[in-house]
Amino acid sequence: MLVALLKNGQSFSLIDGWTKEQLMQLRKTESFFCPACQNEVILKLGTKRMPHFAHKKERACPFEQEAESPYHLSGKTDLFHWLKHQALNVQLEPYFSSIQQRPDLAVVADRVYAIEYQCSTLSESLFLKRNASYKEGGIQPLWILGAHHLQKLAMYRYKLSRFQWLFAQQSISPPCQPMILYYCPQAKQLIRLIQPIPFSSYYTFSVPIVEKLEKLCFQELLHFPSVQLPSLFWTEWLAQKKKWRLTFTMYPSATNRAIGSDFYSRHLPALFPCEAGWPVAHGYLFETPPFIWQTYLLLFLQSNDVYSLSSLYVWLKEKIGEQKIVLRHLPLAQAYAYTRAVYEYIDCLSQLGYVQWVHKKAIRRVKEWTYPRTIEEALFEDRRLLERIKRKSL
């Protein structure tokens, strides 16, 4: 906490250029109060952390959402100075009494934005409650995660928890794709994780844009930058697909056993079809891995009959009801339904020559799916199909 009230009700900020000696002298003569709960707070001037206010242990503040670490205090300060340098109308730790919320920062641009720099974990229910409060107050929340949450596994592969996915926010302009923002106060870098494409429930591929905070302007946090998927992205995806094939049967989850049972009932080989398990732009709408939801789609299209898209959607909805397919909960990115990802996948199959559009709302399969009978055959066909996908620039 960096802002408190003096005895006379005047706001007092610790980032206004005070020296430690000045603050020590002021602490002897002045009392400080929380702008939200009105309880007295302590001015702490230790050697390991920057000066800050803290509530007394016996007087917990109902509006204080997390214990502030040095990492959080430093990041919040950086963001404040960055916005101030752009001549924006910015406030540090303002208290909105009408909705009883106190964000880290508030910025007035085309609208009022509440910037929350989230360094600790919080429950989904509290996250939703805070977002709802901002919306009710006509305030647009903008969430930035502490970069220590981000686990990078390879150049384009990350481990994202369900908690981190909550913070996927849509850009305010097309293509309205989600983006997760991170800030590291140690490196002074803002990380924009754009175009996240899940490979599994936790592993996600994405193109990161890492820039020094001072090089960015506020508006760049609100728009989705356009990027091409680099060649190495596909190389890493294929390598992960190979690993997934080699380990899938070794660790059978309940979902894996369920889909295996569906395979068996249709007299299909146990290995997944090579046409399943590929990235599509809106695949993030599914929490279930693309291997599984795409395979269920292929299971439905087992003949050369004409299939309406509506019948396909009904089939997938049944699997969702059976909990064999799980949709991702994205409270800040609700512009599209999961059917958009399905449509993209069907269109991909069309461009690869597996299905034809009969008309805008119906398709026919014109080429059989590839069901490999050995792991060697599966890996070979995966590589061959990837080359076709790259040539088509899908």
Protein backbone atom coordinates (compact mmCIF):
# COMPACT_ATOMS: atom_id res chain seq x y z
CA MET A 1 0.00 0.00 0.00
CA LEU A 2 1.56 3.24 -1.16
CA VAL A 3 -1.19 5.81 -0.58
CA ALA A 4 -2.82 6.76 2.73
CA LEU A 5 -4.78 9.64 4.23
CA LEU A 6 -3.34 12.13 6.69
CA LYS A 7 -5.23 13.23 9.82
CA ASN A 8 -6.67 16.18 7.88
CA GLY A 9 -8.02 13.85 5.18
CA GLN A 10 -5.41 14.82 2.59
CA SER A 11 -4.09 12.04 0.35
CA PHE A 12 -0.42 11.17 0.88
CA SER A 13 1.63 9.12 -1.61
CA LEU A 14 4.97 7.50 -0.85
CA ILE A 15 6.18 7.78 -4.43
CA ASP A 16 6.17 11.57 -4.48
CA GLY A 17 9.93 11.81 -4.03
CA TRP A 18 10.20 11.67 -0.24
CA THR A 19 13.56 10.79 1.31
CA LYS A 20 13.75 8.17 4.02
CA GLU A 21 14.81 10.82 6.53
CA GLN A 22 11.78 12.98 5.70
CA LEU A 23 9.47 9.99 6.12
CA MET A 24 11.05 9.06 9.44
CA GLN A 25 10.46 12.58 10.72
CA LEU A 26 6.89 12.64 9.41
CA ARG A 27 6.14 9.32 11.07
CA LYS A 28 6.89 10.90 14.47
CA THR A 29 4.29 13.64 14.08
CA GLU A 30 1.63 12.30 11.73
CA SER A 31 -0.93 9.51 11.69
CA PHE A 32 -1.95 7.67 8.53
CA PHE A 33 -5.26 6.05 7.61
CA CYS A 34 -6.49 3.61 4.97
CA PRO A 35 -8.66 5.43 2.38
CA ALA A 36 -10.92 2.37 2.12
CA CYS A 37 -11.55 1.06 5.65
CA GLN A 38 -10.52 4.29 7.46
CA ASN A 39 -8.45 2.31 9.99
CA GLU A 40 -5.04 3.59 11.04
CA VAL A 41 -2.11 2.11 9.12
CA ILE A 42 1.60 1.87 9.87
CA LEU A 43 4.29 3.54 7.78
CA LYS A 44 7.02 0.92 7.37
CA LEU A 45 10.56 2.04 6.53
CA GLY A 46 12.64 -1.12 6.55
CA THR A 47 15.91 -1.83 4.73
CA LYS A 48 14.74 -4.77 2.60
CA ARG A 49 11.51 -3.34 1.18
CA MET A 50 10.53 0.00 -0.25
CA PRO A 51 8.55 2.30 2.10
CA HIS A 52 4.91 1.24 2.32
CA PHE A 53 1.84 1.33 4.52
CA ALA A 54 0.51 -1.75 6.27
CA HIS A 55 -2.60 -2.42 8.31
CA LYS A 56 -2.21 -3.38 11.93
CA LYS A 57 -2.50 -7.13 12.44
CA GLU A 58 -5.60 -6.81 14.60
CA ARG A 59 -7.30 -4.56 12.02
CA ALA A 60 -7.45 -6.50 8.75
CA CYS A 61 -8.81 -4.45 5.85
CA PRO A 62 -11.79 -6.01 4.01
CA PHE A 63 -10.74 -4.16 0.84
CA GLU A 64 -7.13 -5.36 0.82
CA GLN A 65 -7.08 -8.29 -1.60
CA GLU A 66 -3.50 -9.54 -1.19
CA ALA A 67 -0.45 -9.13 1.00
CA GLU A 68 1.90 -6.91 -0.97
CA SER A 69 5.32 -8.31 -1.73
CA PRO A 70 8.31 -6.15 -2.74
CA TYR A 71 7.79 -7.53 -6.26
CA HIS A 72 4.21 -6.25 -6.31
CA LEU A 73 5.05 -2.84 -4.84
CA SER A 74 7.88 -2.35 -7.32
CA GLY A 75 5.77 -3.38 -10.31
CA LYS A 76 2.88 -1.15 -9.30
CA THR A 77 5.24 1.79 -8.93
CA ASP A 78 6.79 1.14 -12.35
CA LEU A 79 3.38 1.01 -14.01
CA PHE A 80 2.32 4.26 -12.33
CA HIS A 81 5.41 6.17 -13.51
CA TRP A 82 5.08 4.66 -17.00
CA LEU A 83 1.50 5.92 -17.33
CA LYS A 84 2.33 9.28 -15.76
CA HIS A 85 5.15 9.76 -18.27
CA GLN A 86 2.56 9.50 -21.08
CA ALA A 87 0.68 12.49 -19.62
CA LEU A 88 -2.31 10.29 -18.84
CA ASN A 89 -4.76 10.98 -16.05
CA VAL A 90 -3.62 8.22 -13.69
CA GLN A 91 -4.29 7.61 -10.00
CA LEU A 92 -2.41 5.32 -7.65
CA GLU A 93 -4.58 3.07 -5.47
CA PRO A 94 -7.81 5.06 -5.84
CA TYR A 95 -10.77 3.94 -3.76
CA PHE A 96 -14.11 3.73 -5.59
CA SER A 97 -16.56 3.93 -2.70
CA SER A 98 -19.63 3.25 -4.87
CA ILE A 99 -18.39 -0.26 -5.71
CA GLN A 100 -16.02 -0.71 -2.73
CA GLN A 101 -13.03 -1.51 -4.90
CA ARG A 102 -9.47 -0.24 -4.72
CA PRO A 103 -7.43 -1.19 -7.81
CA ASP A 104 -3.69 -0.71 -8.04
CA LEU A 105 -4.14 2.03 -10.64
CA ALA A 106 -6.91 3.88 -12.46
CA VAL A 107 -6.44 5.51 -15.86
CA VAL A 108 -8.79 7.78 -17.75
CA ALA A 109 -8.40 7.42 -21.52
CA ASP A 110 -11.32 6.69 -23.85
CA ARG A 111 -12.97 5.30 -20.71
CA VAL A 112 -12.00 4.64 -17.10
CA TYR A 113 -9.69 1.64 -16.70
CA ALA A 114 -8.90 -0.11 -13.43
CA ILE A 115 -5.46 -1.72 -13.69
CA GLU A 116 -4.89 -4.66 -11.39
CA TYR A 117 -1.33 -5.95 -11.09
CA GLN A 118 -1.93 -9.45 -9.76
CA CYS A 119 1.07 -11.13 -8.18
CA SER A 120 -0.57 -13.59 -5.78
CA THR A 121 -3.18 -16.20 -6.64
CA LEU A 122 -6.82 -15.55 -5.89
CA SER A 123 -9.94 -17.66 -6.11
CA GLU A 124 -12.03 -17.65 -9.26
CA SER A 125 -15.06 -16.50 -7.26
CA LEU A 126 -13.21 -13.44 -5.94
CA PHE A 127 -11.83 -12.70 -9.40
CA LEU A 128 -15.34 -12.79 -10.88
CA LYS A 129 -16.73 -10.66 -8.04
CA ARG A 130 -14.12 -7.95 -8.57
CA ASN A 131 -14.68 -7.90 -12.32
CA ALA A 132 -18.44 -7.68 -11.87
CA SER A 133 -18.02 -4.76 -9.45
CA TYR A 134 -15.92 -2.82 -11.94
CA LYS A 135 -18.40 -3.46 -14.73
CA GLU A 136 -21.29 -2.31 -12.55
CA GLY A 137 -19.39 0.91 -11.89
CA GLY A 138 -18.81 1.51 -15.60
CA ILE A 139 -15.10 0.77 -15.22
CA GLN A 140 -13.12 -1.47 -17.58
CA PRO A 141 -10.77 -3.81 -15.67
CA LEU A 142 -7.34 -4.47 -17.15
CA TRP A 143 -5.39 -7.28 -15.51
CA ILE A 144 -1.61 -7.70 -15.59
CA LEU A 145 -0.06 -10.77 -14.00
CA GLY A 146 3.28 -10.83 -12.25
CA ALA A 147 5.76 -12.41 -14.68
CA HIS A 148 6.84 -14.93 -12.03
CA HIS A 149 3.61 -16.80 -12.84
CA LEU A 150 4.78 -17.52 -16.39
CA GLN A 151 6.52 -20.86 -16.92
CA LYS A 152 8.32 -21.00 -20.25
CA LEU A 153 9.15 -24.54 -21.41
CA ALA A 154 10.44 -23.83 -24.91
CA MET A 155 10.55 -20.94 -27.36
CA TYR A 156 6.78 -21.05 -27.97
CA ARG A 157 5.57 -23.53 -25.34
CA TYR A 158 4.31 -22.54 -21.90
CA LYS A 159 2.66 -24.11 -18.92
CA LEU A 160 -0.50 -22.12 -18.18
CA SER A 161 -2.66 -22.96 -15.20
CA ARG A 162 -6.41 -22.52 -15.12
CA PHE A 163 -5.76 -19.51 -12.88
CA GLN A 164 -3.68 -17.80 -15.59
CA TRP A 165 -6.30 -18.50 -18.25
CA LEU A 166 -8.77 -16.42 -16.21
CA PHE A 167 -6.71 -13.36 -17.19
CA ALA A 168 -6.99 -13.91 -20.95
CA GLN A 169 -8.44 -10.61 -22.18
CA GLN A 170 -9.74 -9.75 -25.62
CA SER A 171 -8.35 -6.85 -27.56
CA ILE A 172 -10.86 -4.06 -28.11
CA SER A 173 -10.44 -4.22 -31.90
CA PRO A 174 -10.56 -7.13 -34.40
CA PRO A 175 -9.52 -9.92 -34.47
CA CYS A 176 -10.60 -9.89 -30.79
CA GLN A 177 -8.18 -12.67 -29.91
CA PRO A 178 -7.24 -13.20 -26.26
CA MET A 179 -4.00 -11.92 -24.82
CA ILE A 180 -2.45 -12.44 -21.38
CA LEU A 181 -0.31 -9.64 -19.98
CA TYR A 182 2.64 -10.09 -17.62
CA TYR A 183 5.02 -7.57 -16.11
CA CYS A 184 8.45 -8.18 -14.58
CA PRO A 185 9.66 -5.26 -12.41
CA GLN A 186 13.15 -6.77 -12.23
CA ALA A 187 13.71 -6.75 -16.01
CA LYS A 188 11.32 -3.80 -16.55
CA GLN A 189 9.67 -5.86 -19.29
CA LEU A 190 6.05 -6.30 -20.32
CA ILE A 191 5.21 -9.67 -21.85
CA ARG A 192 2.21 -9.99 -24.12
CA LEU A 193 1.31 -13.65 -24.63
CA ILE A 194 -0.73 -13.47 -27.81
CA GLN A 195 -2.60 -16.04 -29.86
CA PRO A 196 -2.50 -18.73 -27.14
CA ILE A 197 -3.20 -22.14 -28.70
CA PRO A 198 -3.60 -24.96 -26.16
CA PHE A 199 -1.96 -28.32 -26.82
CA SER A 200 -3.35 -29.88 -23.66
CA SER A 201 -5.13 -28.77 -20.52
CA TYR A 202 -1.96 -27.10 -19.23
CA TYR A 203 0.52 -26.82 -22.09
CA THR A 204 -0.08 -23.92 -24.43
CA PHE A 205 1.73 -22.64 -27.49
CA SER A 206 1.92 -18.90 -28.00
CA VAL A 207 3.95 -16.19 -29.67
CA PRO A 208 5.38 -13.94 -26.92
CA ILE A 209 6.05 -10.26 -27.47
CA VAL A 210 8.57 -9.09 -24.88
CA GLU A 211 9.40 -5.39 -24.73
CA LYS A 212 10.80 -2.88 -22.31
CA LEU A 213 7.93 -1.08 -20.61
CA GLU A 214 9.33 2.33 -21.56
CA LYS A 215 9.05 1.44 -25.27
CA LEU A 216 5.30 0.86 -25.08
CA CYS A 217 2.29 3.13 -24.83
CA PHE A 218 -0.89 2.40 -22.92
CA GLN A 219 -3.00 1.83 -26.05
CA GLU A 220 -0.77 -1.09 -27.04
CA LEU A 221 -2.14 -3.04 -24.09
CA LEU A 222 -5.62 -2.84 -25.58
CA HIS A 223 -4.92 -4.08 -29.10
CA PHE A 224 -3.93 -7.47 -30.47
CA PRO A 225 -0.76 -7.28 -32.57
CA SER A 226 -0.80 -9.30 -35.80
CA VAL A 227 1.91 -11.97 -36.03
CA GLN A 228 2.74 -14.91 -38.29
CA LEU A 229 3.34 -18.32 -36.73
CA PRO A 230 7.08 -18.92 -37.25
CA SER A 231 8.46 -22.20 -38.61
CA LEU A 232 9.86 -23.15 -35.21
CA PHE A 233 6.33 -22.96 -33.78
CA TRP A 234 5.32 -25.89 -36.00
CA THR A 235 8.52 -27.79 -35.23
CA GLU A 236 7.83 -27.54 -31.51
CA TRP A 237 4.18 -28.51 -32.01
CA LEU A 238 5.14 -31.66 -33.95
CA ALA A 239 7.73 -32.59 -31.31
CA GLN A 240 5.10 -32.26 -28.58
CA LYS A 241 2.63 -34.29 -30.65
CA LYS A 242 5.22 -37.05 -30.96
CA LYS A 243 5.79 -37.00 -27.20
CA TRP A 244 2.04 -37.08 -26.61
CA ARG A 245 1.61 -40.13 -28.85
CA LEU A 246 4.45 -41.97 -27.12
CA THR A 247 3.12 -41.33 -23.60
CA PHE A 248 -0.67 -41.16 -24.05
CA THR A 249 -1.36 -44.82 -23.23
CA MET A 250 1.16 -44.87 -20.37
CA TYR A 251 -0.86 -42.47 -18.20
CA PRO A 252 -4.53 -43.19 -18.96
CA SER A 253 -6.82 -40.62 -17.38
CA ALA A 254 -10.58 -41.07 -17.09
CA THR A 255 -11.01 -38.99 -20.26
CA ASN A 256 -8.43 -41.07 -22.12
CA ARG A 257 -10.18 -44.28 -21.11
CA ALA A 258 -13.55 -42.86 -22.19
CA ILE A 259 -12.38 -41.92 -25.66
CA GLY A 260 -10.53 -45.24 -25.93
CA SER A 261 -13.83 -46.96 -25.24
CA ASP A 262 -15.48 -44.91 -28.00
CA PHE A 263 -12.71 -46.00 -30.39
CA TYR A 264 -13.17 -49.63 -29.45
CA SER A 265 -16.95 -49.53 -29.92
CA ARG A 266 -16.40 -48.31 -33.50
CA HIS A 267 -13.74 -50.97 -34.22
CA LEU A 268 -11.08 -48.33 -34.81
CA PRO A 269 -7.33 -48.64 -34.12
CA ALA A 270 -6.31 -47.32 -30.70
CA LEU A 271 -4.00 -44.65 -32.14
CA PHE A 272 -5.50 -41.25 -32.83
CA PRO A 273 -6.15 -40.25 -36.46
CA CYS A 274 -3.35 -38.13 -37.90
CA GLU A 275 -5.84 -35.46 -38.92
CA ALA A 276 -6.56 -34.70 -35.24
CA GLY A 277 -4.38 -32.73 -32.84
CA TRP A 278 -3.64 -29.58 -34.86
CA PRO A 279 -3.80 -25.91 -33.83
CA VAL A 280 -6.64 -23.61 -34.84
CA ALA A 281 -6.86 -19.94 -33.94
CA HIS A 282 -9.83 -20.29 -31.57
CA GLY A 283 -8.85 -23.66 -30.13
CA TYR A 284 -8.40 -21.91 -26.77
CA LEU A 285 -12.18 -22.11 -26.37
CA PHE A 286 -11.72 -25.79 -25.47
CA GLU A 287 -10.00 -26.91 -22.28
CA THR A 288 -9.96 -30.43 -23.71
CA PRO A 289 -6.83 -31.08 -25.83
CA PRO A 290 -7.26 -30.70 -29.62
CA PHE A 291 -6.35 -34.38 -30.03
CA ILE A 292 -9.56 -35.33 -28.28
CA TRP A 293 -12.17 -32.79 -29.41
CA GLN A 294 -10.99 -33.02 -33.02
CA THR A 295 -11.04 -36.83 -32.90
CA TYR A 296 -14.64 -36.77 -31.70
CA LEU A 297 -15.47 -34.59 -34.66
CA LEU A 298 -13.80 -37.07 -37.03
CA LEU A 299 -15.66 -39.96 -35.41
CA PHE A 300 -18.91 -38.25 -36.33
CA LEU A 301 -17.86 -37.82 -39.98
CA GLN A 302 -17.34 -41.53 -40.64
CA SER A 303 -19.04 -41.83 -44.03
CA ASN A 304 -19.29 -39.87 -47.27
CA ASP A 305 -22.81 -38.70 -46.45
CA VAL A 306 -23.73 -35.02 -46.31
CA TYR A 307 -23.53 -33.63 -42.77
CA SER A 308 -25.06 -30.37 -41.65
CA LEU A 309 -22.97 -28.24 -39.34
CA SER A 310 -25.90 -28.11 -36.93
CA SER A 311 -25.87 -31.93 -36.58
CA LEU A 312 -22.13 -31.79 -35.93
CA TYR A 313 -22.63 -29.16 -33.24
CA VAL A 314 -25.34 -31.31 -31.61
CA TRP A 315 -22.92 -34.26 -31.55
CA LEU A 316 -20.22 -32.20 -29.85
CA LYS A 317 -22.76 -30.75 -27.43
CA GLU A 318 -23.62 -34.31 -26.38
CA LYS A 319 -19.95 -35.00 -25.67
CA ILE A 320 -19.77 -31.79 -23.65
CA GLY A 321 -22.81 -32.96 -21.68
CA GLU A 322 -21.06 -36.30 -21.06
CA GLN A 323 -17.98 -34.32 -19.88
CA LYS A 324 -15.80 -36.01 -22.47
CA ILE A 325 -15.19 -32.53 -23.88
CA VAL A 326 -14.74 -29.53 -21.57
CA LEU A 327 -15.05 -25.89 -22.59
CA ARG A 328 -12.67 -23.30 -21.18
CA HIS A 329 -14.11 -20.69 -18.82
CA LEU A 330 -12.90 -17.29 -20.02
CA PRO A 331 -14.74 -14.51 -18.15
CA LEU A 332 -12.82 -11.73 -19.96
CA ALA A 333 -12.89 -13.26 -23.46
CA GLN A 334 -16.43 -14.20 -24.37
CA ALA A 335 -16.73 -12.82 -27.90
CA TYR A 336 -16.99 -16.24 -29.55
CA ALA A 337 -18.69 -19.59 -28.97
CA TYR A 338 -16.74 -22.85 -29.25
CA THR A 339 -18.41 -23.48 -32.61
CA ARG A 340 -16.01 -20.95 -34.12
CA ALA A 341 -13.07 -23.26 -33.39
CA VAL A 342 -15.03 -26.17 -34.87
CA TYR A 343 -15.73 -24.19 -38.03
CA GLU A 344 -12.03 -23.29 -38.36
CA TYR A 345 -11.06 -26.94 -38.04
CA ILE A 346 -13.61 -28.02 -40.67
CA ASP A 347 -12.31 -25.33 -43.00
CA CYS A 348 -8.77 -26.60 -42.42
CA LEU A 349 -9.90 -30.13 -43.37
CA SER A 350 -11.51 -28.66 -46.48
CA GLN A 351 -8.31 -26.93 -47.59
CA LEU A 352 -6.38 -30.17 -47.05
CA GLY A 353 -8.83 -32.04 -49.29
CA TYR A 354 -10.58 -34.20 -46.68
CA VAL A 355 -14.03 -32.58 -46.84
CA GLN A 356 -15.95 -30.47 -49.32
CA TRP A 357 -18.47 -27.76 -48.63
CA VAL A 358 -21.82 -28.75 -50.11
CA HIS A 359 -23.11 -25.32 -49.18
CA LYS A 360 -22.41 -22.85 -46.39
CA LYS A 361 -23.91 -25.05 -43.70
CA ALA A 362 -23.17 -28.60 -44.85
CA ILE A 363 -20.12 -30.71 -45.70
CA ARG A 364 -19.24 -34.09 -47.19
CA ARG A 365 -16.19 -36.18 -46.43
CA VAL A 366 -14.30 -36.97 -49.65
CA LYS A 367 -11.17 -38.60 -48.22
CA GLU A 368 -10.85 -41.13 -45.42
CA TRP A 369 -9.11 -40.30 -42.16
CA THR A 370 -5.68 -41.78 -41.52
CA TYR A 371 -5.84 -44.30 -38.67
CA PRO A 372 -2.25 -45.51 -38.12
CA ARG A 373 -1.79 -49.07 -36.88
CA THR A 374 1.70 -48.61 -35.45
CA ILE A 375 3.38 -45.75 -33.62
CA GLU A 376 6.00 -45.56 -36.39
CA GLU A 377 3.28 -45.10 -38.99
CA ALA A 378 1.59 -42.46 -36.82
CA LEU A 379 4.79 -40.39 -36.48
CA PHE A 380 5.51 -40.65 -40.21
CA GLU A 381 2.00 -39.55 -41.21
CA ASP A 382 2.05 -36.71 -38.67
CA ARG A 383 5.23 -35.33 -40.24
CA ARG A 384 3.83 -35.67 -43.74
CA LEU A 385 0.58 -33.92 -42.84
CA LEU A 386 2.48 -31.10 -41.13
CA GLU A 387 4.35 -30.38 -44.36
CA ARG A 388 1.02 -30.11 -46.18
CA ILE A 389 -0.34 -27.76 -43.52
CA LYS A 390 2.74 -25.53 -43.80
CA ARG A 391 2.50 -25.43 -47.60
CA LYS A 392 -1.15 -24.38 -47.32
CA SER A 393 -0.17 -21.75 -44.70
CA LEU A 394 -3.04 -22.85 -42.49
